[in-house]
Amino acid sequence: MIGKLIPEGKWSRITLLWSFSQFIVITIIECLIIYTNLQHKKYYDSQLDKEEVGNFTAIIVYQVLFIVALTYQLYLTVDTLLNFSTIDLIALAIFNTLCLLYSVAQYIQADKNNSALNLSLKINQKKQNEISYTYEYINIGIMTVYSIGWWYITFRLYKVFGWNVFKQIGADISLKSNNNLRDKVPIAAITVIGTILGFVAVAKKSRLCLGIYIFTLCVVMGFICYVYTDMNINKNLYRRCYVSLTVTMTLCLVTYGISLINFKNFGLGIPKSINKNSSQTNQSERVQQKRLSID
């Protein structure tokens, strides 16, 4: 049972250690804050009415709830690592950021409450409250470090969880090493340049641009024929991406066919329709003039 709770992978273990250390450290600091506030509450209870000190009790309750939130954060971390959930991972980072904001709000509320109680007593209890304020500052500082760390861990684990999902559905993890930046840049450049060239060719009605675009598609078609032949020879090599490659090849064939149709119909589209409409308009005007002359 314990072995199942210990995740595999470097960053998964770092995440669990990070969450557990946050729970321990912040809980200790929060307990110190609660202890000092209880001491202050005893003093205020002896000097003021219970109604005036009521807000102080509420603040202590909220500080206890902060420890409960850290407990939930630890549970959410374990659940995220066991289920490889990217949604829970992002929610975990957001939750820790909200805990940081809560620690700041907790300090502001305690400071306002102490100031109001001290004003009622007409005394300066700054030195007495300095201890709890120091713990509050430490709490905010450490929570800031943990929150930043959580976003960095989320960034690193997001990639790991993504590939784990692919592994669960039968994808080959070796594809990750094959699809490196050296391959992505030329593929992206060819796709972007080809798309822009196709739009320019149609928009400018340029046979030259469309001819270059079709020539590029011919080269792509040659590569597709090579891949298709290789797919039928080495079926095991492409078995995990056979469907996606087949769909891509089909789309390329459709694009190639539409490009040839556009090249053939260049100059026969809108200009021809406009000329046809204008000739029909002129003809109708002549007929109308003849009718008027007869009348």
C-alpha atoms as a PDB file:
ATOM      1  CA  MET A   1       0.000   0.000   0.000  1.00  0.00           C
ATOM      2  CA  ILE A   2       2.799   2.402   0.920  1.00  0.00           C
ATOM      3  CA  GLY A   3       4.648   1.486  -2.269  1.00  0.00           C
ATOM      4  CA  LYS A   4       1.653   2.542  -4.358  1.00  0.00           C
ATOM      5  CA  LEU A   5       1.586   5.964  -2.663  1.00  0.00           C
ATOM      6  CA  ILE A   6       5.209   6.636  -3.644  1.00  0.00           C
ATOM      7  CA  PRO A   7       5.082   7.889  -7.253  1.00  0.00           C
ATOM      8  CA  GLU A   8       7.556   6.920  -9.936  1.00  0.00           C
ATOM      9  CA  GLY A   9       9.715   9.478 -11.663  1.00  0.00           C
ATOM     10  CA  LYS A  10      12.009  12.238 -10.475  1.00  0.00           C
ATOM     11  CA  TRP A  11       9.576  15.142 -10.654  1.00  0.00           C
ATOM     12  CA  SER A  12       6.704  13.169  -9.161  1.00  0.00           C
ATOM     13  CA  ARG A  13       8.777  12.395  -6.080  1.00  0.00           C
ATOM     14  CA  ILE A  14       9.987  15.988  -5.870  1.00  0.00           C
ATOM     15  CA  THR A  15       6.356  17.122  -5.991  1.00  0.00           C
ATOM     16  CA  LEU A  16       5.338  14.815  -3.149  1.00  0.00           C
ATOM     17  CA  LEU A  17       8.325  15.935  -1.059  1.00  0.00           C
ATOM     18  CA  TRP A  18       7.560  19.590  -1.842  1.00  0.00           C
ATOM     19  CA  SER A  19       3.931  19.211  -0.781  1.00  0.00           C
ATOM     20  CA  PHE A  20       4.766  17.313   2.411  1.00  0.00           C
ATOM     21  CA  SER A  21       7.479  19.794   3.425  1.00  0.00           C
ATOM     22  CA  GLN A  22       5.062  22.675   2.807  1.00  0.00           C
ATOM     23  CA  PHE A  23       2.457  21.003   5.005  1.00  0.00           C
ATOM     24  CA  ILE A  24       4.940  20.458   7.852  1.00  0.00           C
ATOM     25  CA  VAL A  25       6.677  23.867   7.733  1.00  0.00           C
ATOM     26  CA  ILE A  26       3.580  26.028   7.279  1.00  0.00           C
ATOM     27  CA  THR A  27       1.615  24.026   9.871  1.00  0.00           C
ATOM     28  CA  ILE A  28       4.355  24.605  12.464  1.00  0.00           C
ATOM     29  CA  ILE A  29       4.448  28.344  11.730  1.00  0.00           C
ATOM     30  CA  GLU A  30       0.655  28.567  11.762  1.00  0.00           C
ATOM     31  CA  CYS A  31       0.524  26.770  15.114  1.00  0.00           C
ATOM     32  CA  LEU A  32       2.980  29.316  16.520  1.00  0.00           C
ATOM     33  CA  ILE A  33       0.772  32.134  15.215  1.00  0.00           C
ATOM     34  CA  ILE A  34      -2.314  30.545  16.789  1.00  0.00           C
ATOM     35  CA  TYR A  35      -0.473  30.045  20.092  1.00  0.00           C
ATOM     36  CA  THR A  36       0.638  33.691  20.304  1.00  0.00           C
ATOM     37  CA  ASN A  37      -2.846  34.885  19.351  1.00  0.00           C
ATOM     38  CA  LEU A  38      -4.364  32.733  22.101  1.00  0.00           C
ATOM     39  CA  GLN A  39      -2.030  34.428  24.571  1.00  0.00           C
ATOM     40  CA  HIS A  40      -3.147  37.828  23.288  1.00  0.00           C
ATOM     41  CA  LYS A  41      -6.783  36.749  23.512  1.00  0.00           C
ATOM     42  CA  LYS A  42      -6.392  35.859  27.173  1.00  0.00           C
ATOM     43  CA  TYR A  43      -5.034  39.331  27.848  1.00  0.00           C
ATOM     44  CA  TYR A  44      -7.819  41.058  25.916  1.00  0.00           C
ATOM     45  CA  ASP A  45     -10.463  38.884  27.628  1.00  0.00           C
ATOM     46  CA  SER A  46      -9.259  40.129  30.994  1.00  0.00           C
ATOM     47  CA  GLN A  47      -9.449  43.763  29.913  1.00  0.00           C
ATOM     48  CA  LEU A  48     -12.448  43.979  27.548  1.00  0.00           C
ATOM     49  CA  ASP A  49     -15.943  42.587  27.064  1.00  0.00           C
ATOM     50  CA  LYS A  50     -16.396  39.291  25.235  1.00  0.00           C
ATOM     51  CA  GLU A  51     -18.311  41.024  22.434  1.00  0.00           C
ATOM     52  CA  GLU A  52     -15.312  43.214  21.624  1.00  0.00           C
ATOM     53  CA  VAL A  53     -12.917  40.258  21.631  1.00  0.00           C
ATOM     54  CA  GLY A  54     -15.260  38.143  19.492  1.00  0.00           C
ATOM     55  CA  ASN A  55     -13.510  39.028  16.225  1.00  0.00           C
ATOM     56  CA  PHE A  56     -10.224  37.802  17.661  1.00  0.00           C
ATOM     57  CA  THR A  57     -11.754  34.360  18.219  1.00  0.00           C
ATOM     58  CA  ALA A  58     -12.983  34.298  14.605  1.00  0.00           C
ATOM     59  CA  ILE A  59      -9.470  35.082  13.330  1.00  0.00           C
ATOM     60  CA  ILE A  60      -8.042  32.141  15.285  1.00  0.00           C
ATOM     61  CA  VAL A  61     -10.704  29.869  13.765  1.00  0.00           C
ATOM     62  CA  TYR A  62      -9.717  31.039  10.262  1.00  0.00           C
ATOM     63  CA  GLN A  63      -6.073  30.296  11.066  1.00  0.00           C
ATOM     64  CA  VAL A  64      -7.046  26.745  12.032  1.00  0.00           C
ATOM     65  CA  LEU A  65      -8.904  26.455   8.719  1.00  0.00           C
ATOM     66  CA  PHE A  66      -5.654  27.424   6.987  1.00  0.00           C
ATOM     67  CA  ILE A  67      -4.068  24.259   8.416  1.00  0.00           C
ATOM     68  CA  VAL A  68      -7.071  22.272   7.160  1.00  0.00           C
ATOM     69  CA  ALA A  69      -6.487  23.769   3.693  1.00  0.00           C
ATOM     70  CA  LEU A  70      -2.867  22.579   3.799  1.00  0.00           C
ATOM     71  CA  THR A  71      -4.095  19.083   4.692  1.00  0.00           C
ATOM     72  CA  TYR A  72      -6.386  19.129   1.678  1.00  0.00           C
ATOM     73  CA  GLN A  73      -3.470  20.349  -0.449  1.00  0.00           C
ATOM     74  CA  LEU A  74      -1.444  17.304   0.589  1.00  0.00           C
ATOM     75  CA  TYR A  75      -4.348  14.971  -0.250  1.00  0.00           C
ATOM     76  CA  LEU A  76      -4.843  16.664  -3.632  1.00  0.00           C
ATOM     77  CA  THR A  77      -1.143  16.228  -4.407  1.00  0.00           C
ATOM     78  CA  VAL A  78      -1.245  12.484  -3.739  1.00  0.00           C
ATOM     79  CA  ASP A  79      -4.428  12.092  -5.803  1.00  0.00           C
ATOM     80  CA  THR A  80      -2.902  14.084  -8.682  1.00  0.00           C
ATOM     81  CA  LEU A  81       0.248  11.959  -8.773  1.00  0.00           C
ATOM     82  CA  LEU A  82      -1.668   8.674  -8.607  1.00  0.00           C
ATOM     83  CA  ASN A  83      -4.079   9.579 -11.421  1.00  0.00           C
ATOM     84  CA  PHE A  84      -1.661  11.588 -13.615  1.00  0.00           C
ATOM     85  CA  SER A  85      -4.324  14.306 -13.803  1.00  0.00           C
ATOM     86  CA  THR A  86      -3.178  17.497 -15.532  1.00  0.00           C
ATOM     87  CA  ILE A  87      -6.417  19.249 -14.513  1.00  0.00           C
ATOM     88  CA  ASP A  88      -5.782  18.482 -10.830  1.00  0.00           C
ATOM     89  CA  LEU A  89      -2.175  19.589 -11.279  1.00  0.00           C
ATOM     90  CA  ILE A  90      -3.190  23.037 -12.535  1.00  0.00           C
ATOM     91  CA  ALA A  91      -5.873  23.263  -9.843  1.00  0.00           C
ATOM     92  CA  LEU A  92      -3.212  22.443  -7.250  1.00  0.00           C
ATOM     93  CA  ALA A  93      -1.008  25.339  -8.379  1.00  0.00           C
ATOM     94  CA  ILE A  94      -3.983  27.725  -8.335  1.00  0.00           C
ATOM     95  CA  PHE A  95      -5.036  26.453  -4.896  1.00  0.00           C
ATOM     96  CA  ASN A  96      -1.580  27.160  -3.451  1.00  0.00           C
ATOM     97  CA  THR A  97      -1.622  30.657  -4.941  1.00  0.00           C
ATOM     98  CA  LEU A  98      -4.980  31.256  -3.247  1.00  0.00           C
ATOM     99  CA  CYS A  99      -3.484  29.990   0.026  1.00  0.00           C
ATOM    100  CA  LEU A 100      -0.748  32.605  -0.357  1.00  0.00           C
ATOM    101  CA  LEU A 101      -3.375  35.323  -0.798  1.00  0.00           C
ATOM    102  CA  TYR A 102      -5.223  33.915   2.206  1.00  0.00           C
ATOM    103  CA  SER A 103      -2.095  34.227   4.364  1.00  0.00           C
ATOM    104  CA  VAL A 104      -1.771  37.884   3.339  1.00  0.00           C
ATOM    105  CA  ALA A 105      -5.451  38.543   4.088  1.00  0.00           C
ATOM    106  CA  GLN A 106      -5.033  36.745   7.409  1.00  0.00           C
ATOM    107  CA  TYR A 107      -2.237  39.120   8.419  1.00  0.00           C
ATOM    108  CA  ILE A 108      -4.149  42.237   7.325  1.00  0.00           C
ATOM    109  CA  GLN A 109      -7.255  41.200   9.267  1.00  0.00           C
ATOM    110  CA  ALA A 110      -5.259  40.377  12.410  1.00  0.00           C
ATOM    111  CA  ASP A 111      -3.434  43.712  12.222  1.00  0.00           C
ATOM    112  CA  LYS A 112      -6.697  45.671  11.940  1.00  0.00           C
ATOM    113  CA  ASN A 113      -8.247  43.732  14.807  1.00  0.00           C
ATOM    114  CA  ASN A 114      -5.232  44.246  17.083  1.00  0.00           C
ATOM    115  CA  SER A 115      -5.176  47.952  16.304  1.00  0.00           C
ATOM    116  CA  ALA A 116      -8.875  48.266  17.175  1.00  0.00           C
ATOM    117  CA  LEU A 117      -8.482  46.389  20.473  1.00  0.00           C
ATOM    118  CA  ASN A 118      -5.400  48.364  21.448  1.00  0.00           C
ATOM    119  CA  LEU A 119      -7.244  51.570  20.656  1.00  0.00           C
ATOM    120  CA  SER A 120     -10.082  50.498  22.940  1.00  0.00           C
ATOM    121  CA  LEU A 121      -7.591  49.870  25.737  1.00  0.00           C
ATOM    122  CA  LYS A 122      -5.777  53.139  24.938  1.00  0.00           C
ATOM    123  CA  ILE A 123      -2.431  51.388  25.179  1.00  0.00           C
ATOM    124  CA  ASN A 124       0.383  50.518  22.818  1.00  0.00           C
ATOM    125  CA  GLN A 125       0.641  46.743  22.528  1.00  0.00           C
ATOM    126  CA  LYS A 126       2.976  46.847  19.522  1.00  0.00           C
ATOM    127  CA  LYS A 127       5.743  44.935  21.264  1.00  0.00           C
ATOM    128  CA  GLN A 128       3.319  42.245  22.394  1.00  0.00           C
ATOM    129  CA  ASN A 129       1.990  41.821  18.851  1.00  0.00           C
ATOM    130  CA  GLU A 130       5.429  41.925  17.231  1.00  0.00           C
ATOM    131  CA  ILE A 131       5.983  38.210  17.854  1.00  0.00           C
ATOM    132  CA  SER A 132       2.842  37.167  15.987  1.00  0.00           C
ATOM    133  CA  TYR A 133       3.590  39.705  13.242  1.00  0.00           C
ATOM    134  CA  THR A 134       7.052  38.198  12.794  1.00  0.00           C
ATOM    135  CA  TYR A 135       5.514  34.746  12.371  1.00  0.00           C
ATOM    136  CA  GLU A 136       3.009  36.200   9.897  1.00  0.00           C
ATOM    137  CA  TYR A 137       5.828  37.717   7.808  1.00  0.00           C
ATOM    138  CA  ILE A 138       7.707  34.421   7.810  1.00  0.00           C
ATOM    139  CA  ASN A 139       4.519  32.598   6.828  1.00  0.00           C
ATOM    140  CA  ILE A 140       3.879  34.930   3.872  1.00  0.00           C
ATOM    141  CA  GLY A 141       7.505  34.713   2.712  1.00  0.00           C
ATOM    142  CA  ILE A 142       7.622  30.910   2.802  1.00  0.00           C
ATOM    143  CA  MET A 143       4.210  30.618   1.126  1.00  0.00           C
ATOM    144  CA  THR A 144       5.490  32.883  -1.670  1.00  0.00           C
ATOM    145  CA  VAL A 145       8.450  30.556  -2.250  1.00  0.00           C
ATOM    146  CA  TYR A 146       6.212  27.489  -2.250  1.00  0.00           C
ATOM    147  CA  SER A 147       3.685  29.087  -4.620  1.00  0.00           C
ATOM    148  CA  ILE A 148       6.390  29.967  -7.152  1.00  0.00           C
ATOM    149  CA  GLY A 149       7.783  26.459  -6.785  1.00  0.00           C
ATOM    150  CA  TRP A 150       4.359  24.966  -7.425  1.00  0.00           C
ATOM    151  CA  TRP A 151       4.013  26.755 -10.755  1.00  0.00           C
ATOM    152  CA  TYR A 152       7.460  25.554 -11.826  1.00  0.00           C
ATOM    153  CA  ILE A 153       6.622  21.986 -10.769  1.00  0.00           C
ATOM    154  CA  THR A 154       3.342  22.244 -12.677  1.00  0.00           C
ATOM    155  CA  PHE A 155       5.252  23.250 -15.810  1.00  0.00           C
ATOM    156  CA  ARG A 156       7.607  20.270 -15.488  1.00  0.00           C
ATOM    157  CA  LEU A 157       4.979  17.697 -14.536  1.00  0.00           C
ATOM    158  CA  TYR A 158       2.583  18.814 -17.269  1.00  0.00           C
ATOM    159  CA  LYS A 159       4.918  17.337 -19.888  1.00  0.00           C
ATOM    160  CA  VAL A 160       5.464  14.148 -17.884  1.00  0.00           C
ATOM    161  CA  PHE A 161       1.735  13.592 -17.367  1.00  0.00           C
ATOM    162  CA  GLY A 162       1.054  14.212 -21.043  1.00  0.00           C
ATOM    163  CA  TRP A 163       3.412  11.447 -22.145  1.00  0.00           C
ATOM    164  CA  ASN A 164       2.079   9.114 -19.433  1.00  0.00           C
ATOM    165  CA  VAL A 165      -1.404   9.491 -20.913  1.00  0.00           C
ATOM    166  CA  PHE A 166      -0.037   8.652 -24.366  1.00  0.00           C
ATOM    167  CA  LYS A 167       1.650   5.570 -22.917  1.00  0.00           C
ATOM    168  CA  GLN A 168      -1.623   4.430 -21.341  1.00  0.00           C
ATOM    169  CA  ILE A 169      -3.437   4.553 -24.692  1.00  0.00           C
ATOM    170  CA  GLY A 170      -0.620   2.628 -26.382  1.00  0.00           C
ATOM    171  CA  ALA A 171       1.514   5.400 -27.893  1.00  0.00           C
ATOM    172  CA  ASP A 172       5.232   4.925 -28.307  1.00  0.00           C
ATOM    173  CA  ILE A 173       7.257   7.056 -25.870  1.00  0.00           C
ATOM    174  CA  SER A 174      10.199   6.933 -28.288  1.00  0.00           C
ATOM    175  CA  LEU A 175       8.287   9.347 -30.555  1.00  0.00           C
ATOM    176  CA  LYS A 176       9.154  12.083 -28.049  1.00  0.00           C
ATOM    177  CA  SER A 177      12.867  11.809 -28.813  1.00  0.00           C
ATOM    178  CA  ASN A 178      12.265  11.630 -32.567  1.00  0.00           C
ATOM    179  CA  ASN A 179      10.121  14.753 -32.666  1.00  0.00           C
ATOM    180  CA  ASN A 180      12.796  17.249 -31.655  1.00  0.00           C
ATOM    181  CA  LEU A 181      13.226  20.933 -32.423  1.00  0.00           C
ATOM    182  CA  ARG A 182      15.390  20.213 -35.472  1.00  0.00           C
ATOM    183  CA  ASP A 183      12.419  18.504 -37.139  1.00  0.00           C
ATOM    184  CA  LYS A 184       9.730  20.901 -35.907  1.00  0.00           C
ATOM    185  CA  VAL A 185      11.260  24.085 -37.356  1.00  0.00           C
ATOM    186  CA  PRO A 186      11.436  22.964 -41.040  1.00  0.00           C
ATOM    187  CA  ILE A 187       7.971  21.360 -40.874  1.00  0.00           C
ATOM    188  CA  ALA A 188       6.455  24.483 -39.328  1.00  0.00           C
ATOM    189  CA  ALA A 189       8.254  26.739 -41.837  1.00  0.00           C
ATOM    190  CA  ILE A 190       7.041  24.717 -44.845  1.00  0.00           C
ATOM    191  CA  THR A 191       3.470  24.699 -43.511  1.00  0.00           C
ATOM    192  CA  VAL A 192       3.362  28.448 -42.806  1.00  0.00           C
ATOM    193  CA  ILE A 193       5.091  29.493 -46.041  1.00  0.00           C
ATOM    194  CA  GLY A 194       2.932  27.145 -48.124  1.00  0.00           C
ATOM    195  CA  THR A 195      -0.289  28.433 -46.540  1.00  0.00           C
ATOM    196  CA  ILE A 196       0.681  32.085 -47.085  1.00  0.00           C
ATOM    197  CA  LEU A 197       1.721  31.343 -50.672  1.00  0.00           C
ATOM    198  CA  GLY A 198      -1.628  29.670 -51.378  1.00  0.00           C
ATOM    199  CA  PHE A 199      -3.615  32.624 -50.006  1.00  0.00           C
ATOM    200  CA  VAL A 200      -1.491  35.145 -51.920  1.00  0.00           C
ATOM    201  CA  ALA A 201      -1.896  33.174 -55.144  1.00  0.00           C
ATOM    202  CA  VAL A 202      -5.690  33.158 -54.879  1.00  0.00           C
ATOM    203  CA  ALA A 203      -6.002  36.735 -53.575  1.00  0.00           C
ATOM    204  CA  LYS A 204      -3.671  38.242 -56.200  1.00  0.00           C
ATOM    205  CA  LYS A 205      -4.803  35.854 -58.955  1.00  0.00           C
ATOM    206  CA  SER A 206      -1.163  35.110 -59.612  1.00  0.00           C
ATOM    207  CA  ARG A 207      -0.519  32.096 -61.792  1.00  0.00           C
ATOM    208  CA  LEU A 208       3.153  32.254 -60.864  1.00  0.00           C
ATOM    209  CA  CYS A 209       2.492  31.985 -57.110  1.00  0.00           C
ATOM    210  CA  LEU A 210      -0.081  29.261 -57.648  1.00  0.00           C
ATOM    211  CA  GLY A 211       2.333  27.403 -59.921  1.00  0.00           C
ATOM    212  CA  ILE A 212       5.019  27.514 -57.211  1.00  0.00           C
ATOM    213  CA  TYR A 213       2.434  26.380 -54.669  1.00  0.00           C
ATOM    214  CA  ILE A 214       1.382  23.440 -56.847  1.00  0.00           C
ATOM    215  CA  PHE A 215       5.044  22.534 -57.430  1.00  0.00           C
ATOM    216  CA  THR A 216       5.533  22.479 -53.657  1.00  0.00           C
ATOM    217  CA  LEU A 217       2.493  20.242 -53.334  1.00  0.00           C
ATOM    218  CA  CYS A 218       3.978  17.928 -55.975  1.00  0.00           C
ATOM    219  CA  VAL A 219       7.112  17.572 -53.871  1.00  0.00           C
ATOM    220  CA  VAL A 220       4.950  16.860 -50.826  1.00  0.00           C
ATOM    221  CA  MET A 221       2.971  14.308 -52.831  1.00  0.00           C
ATOM    222  CA  GLY A 222       6.200  12.572 -53.772  1.00  0.00           C
ATOM    223  CA  PHE A 223       7.169  12.365 -50.114  1.00  0.00           C
ATOM    224  CA  ILE A 224       3.682  11.072 -49.261  1.00  0.00           C
ATOM    225  CA  CYS A 225       4.013   8.318 -51.862  1.00  0.00           C
ATOM    226  CA  TYR A 226       7.339   7.323 -50.320  1.00  0.00           C
ATOM    227  CA  VAL A 227       5.849   7.245 -46.800  1.00  0.00           C
ATOM    228  CA  TYR A 228       2.785   5.319 -47.981  1.00  0.00           C
ATOM    229  CA  THR A 229       5.010   2.704 -49.621  1.00  0.00           C
ATOM    230  CA  ASP A 230       7.159   2.479 -46.507  1.00  0.00           C
ATOM    231  CA  MET A 231       4.026   2.118 -44.350  1.00  0.00           C
ATOM    232  CA  ASN A 232       2.954  -0.974 -46.289  1.00  0.00           C
ATOM    233  CA  ILE A 233       6.439  -2.485 -46.142  1.00  0.00           C
ATOM    234  CA  ASN A 234       7.237  -1.684 -42.483  1.00  0.00           C
ATOM    235  CA  LYS A 235       3.800  -1.913 -40.868  1.00  0.00           C
ATOM    236  CA  ASN A 236       5.157  -2.358 -37.361  1.00  0.00           C
ATOM    237  CA  LEU A 237       7.074   0.918 -37.604  1.00  0.00           C
ATOM    238  CA  TYR A 238       3.913   2.940 -38.337  1.00  0.00           C
ATOM    239  CA  ARG A 239       1.326   0.855 -36.479  1.00  0.00           C
ATOM    240  CA  ARG A 240       0.799   3.485 -33.754  1.00  0.00           C
ATOM    241  CA  CYS A 241       0.285   6.392 -36.154  1.00  0.00           C
ATOM    242  CA  TYR A 242      -1.192   4.641 -39.210  1.00  0.00           C
ATOM    243  CA  VAL A 243      -4.622   6.290 -38.941  1.00  0.00           C
ATOM    244  CA  SER A 244      -3.309   9.832 -38.435  1.00  0.00           C
ATOM    245  CA  LEU A 245      -0.889   9.505 -41.353  1.00  0.00           C
ATOM    246  CA  THR A 246      -3.653   8.160 -43.592  1.00  0.00           C
ATOM    247  CA  VAL A 247      -5.897  11.137 -42.742  1.00  0.00           C
ATOM    248  CA  THR A 248      -3.022  13.551 -43.415  1.00  0.00           C
ATOM    249  CA  MET A 249      -2.338  11.970 -46.798  1.00  0.00           C
ATOM    250  CA  THR A 250      -6.027  12.200 -47.715  1.00  0.00           C
ATOM    251  CA  LEU A 251      -6.116  15.901 -46.839  1.00  0.00           C
ATOM    252  CA  CYS A 252      -2.994  16.511 -48.933  1.00  0.00           C
ATOM    253  CA  LEU A 253      -4.596  14.779 -51.924  1.00  0.00           C
ATOM    254  CA  VAL A 254      -7.749  16.894 -51.565  1.00  0.00           C
ATOM    255  CA  THR A 255      -5.657  20.081 -51.296  1.00  0.00           C
ATOM    256  CA  TYR A 256      -3.676  19.112 -54.379  1.00  0.00           C
ATOM    257  CA  GLY A 257      -6.865  18.483 -56.369  1.00  0.00           C
ATOM    258  CA  ILE A 258      -8.455  21.803 -55.324  1.00  0.00           C
ATOM    259  CA  SER A 259      -5.256  23.647 -56.262  1.00  0.00           C
ATOM    260  CA  LEU A 260      -5.314  22.158 -59.766  1.00  0.00           C
ATOM    261  CA  ILE A 261      -8.967  23.185 -60.179  1.00  0.00           C
ATOM    262  CA  ASN A 262      -8.158  26.749 -59.065  1.00  0.00           C
ATOM    263  CA  PHE A 263      -5.218  26.899 -61.456  1.00  0.00           C
ATOM    264  CA  LYS A 264      -7.429  25.747 -64.323  1.00  0.00           C
ATOM    265  CA  ASN A 265     -10.221  28.232 -63.516  1.00  0.00           C
ATOM    266  CA  PHE A 266      -7.990  31.268 -63.042  1.00  0.00           C
ATOM    267  CA  GLY A 267      -9.516  34.167 -64.976  1.00  0.00           C
ATOM    268  CA  LEU A 268     -12.843  32.384 -65.384  1.00  0.00           C
ATOM    269  CA  GLY A 269     -14.326  33.150 -61.994  1.00  0.00           C
ATOM    270  CA  ILE A 270     -15.595  36.521 -60.809  1.00  0.00           C
ATOM    271  CA  PRO A 271     -14.318  38.572 -63.828  1.00  0.00           C
ATOM    272  CA  LYS A 272     -16.193  36.278 -66.256  1.00  0.00           C
ATOM    273  CA  SER A 273     -19.321  36.503 -64.124  1.00  0.00           C
ATOM    274  CA  ILE A 274     -19.074  40.304 -64.026  1.00  0.00           C
ATOM    275  CA  ASN A 275     -18.617  40.513 -67.811  1.00  0.00           C
ATOM    276  CA  LYS A 276     -21.562  38.189 -68.329  1.00  0.00           C
ATOM    277  CA  ASN A 277     -23.773  40.245 -66.021  1.00  0.00           C
ATOM    278  CA  SER A 278     -22.717  43.527 -67.669  1.00  0.00           C
ATOM    279  CA  SER A 279     -23.460  42.156 -71.159  1.00  0.00           C
ATOM    280  CA  GLN A 280     -26.879  41.001 -70.008  1.00  0.00           C
ATOM    281  CA  THR A 281     -27.539  44.438 -68.495  1.00  0.00           C
ATOM    282  CA  ASN A 282     -26.559  46.206 -71.737  1.00  0.00           C
ATOM    283  CA  GLN A 283     -28.754  43.871 -73.744  1.00  0.00           C
ATOM    284  CA  SER A 284     -31.773  44.506 -71.509  1.00  0.00           C
ATOM    285  CA  GLU A 285     -31.233  48.279 -71.779  1.00  0.00           C
ATOM    286  CA  ARG A 286     -31.216  48.059 -75.596  1.00  0.00           C
ATOM    287  CA  VAL A 287     -34.453  46.092 -75.585  1.00  0.00           C
ATOM    288  CA  GLN A 288     -36.039  48.659 -73.290  1.00  0.00           C
ATOM    289  CA  GLN A 289     -34.911  51.533 -75.542  1.00  0.00           C
ATOM    290  CA  LYS A 290     -36.450  49.790 -78.573  1.00  0.00           C
ATOM    291  CA  ARG A 291     -39.751  49.430 -76.760  1.00  0.00           C
ATOM    292  CA  LEU A 292     -39.753  53.104 -75.826  1.00  0.00           C
ATOM    293  CA  SER A 293     -39.050  54.140 -79.418  1.00  0.00           C
ATOM    294  CA  ILE A 294     -41.958  52.010 -80.705  1.00  0.00           C
ATOM    295  CA  ASP A 295     -44.277  53.562 -78.138  1.00  0.00           C
END
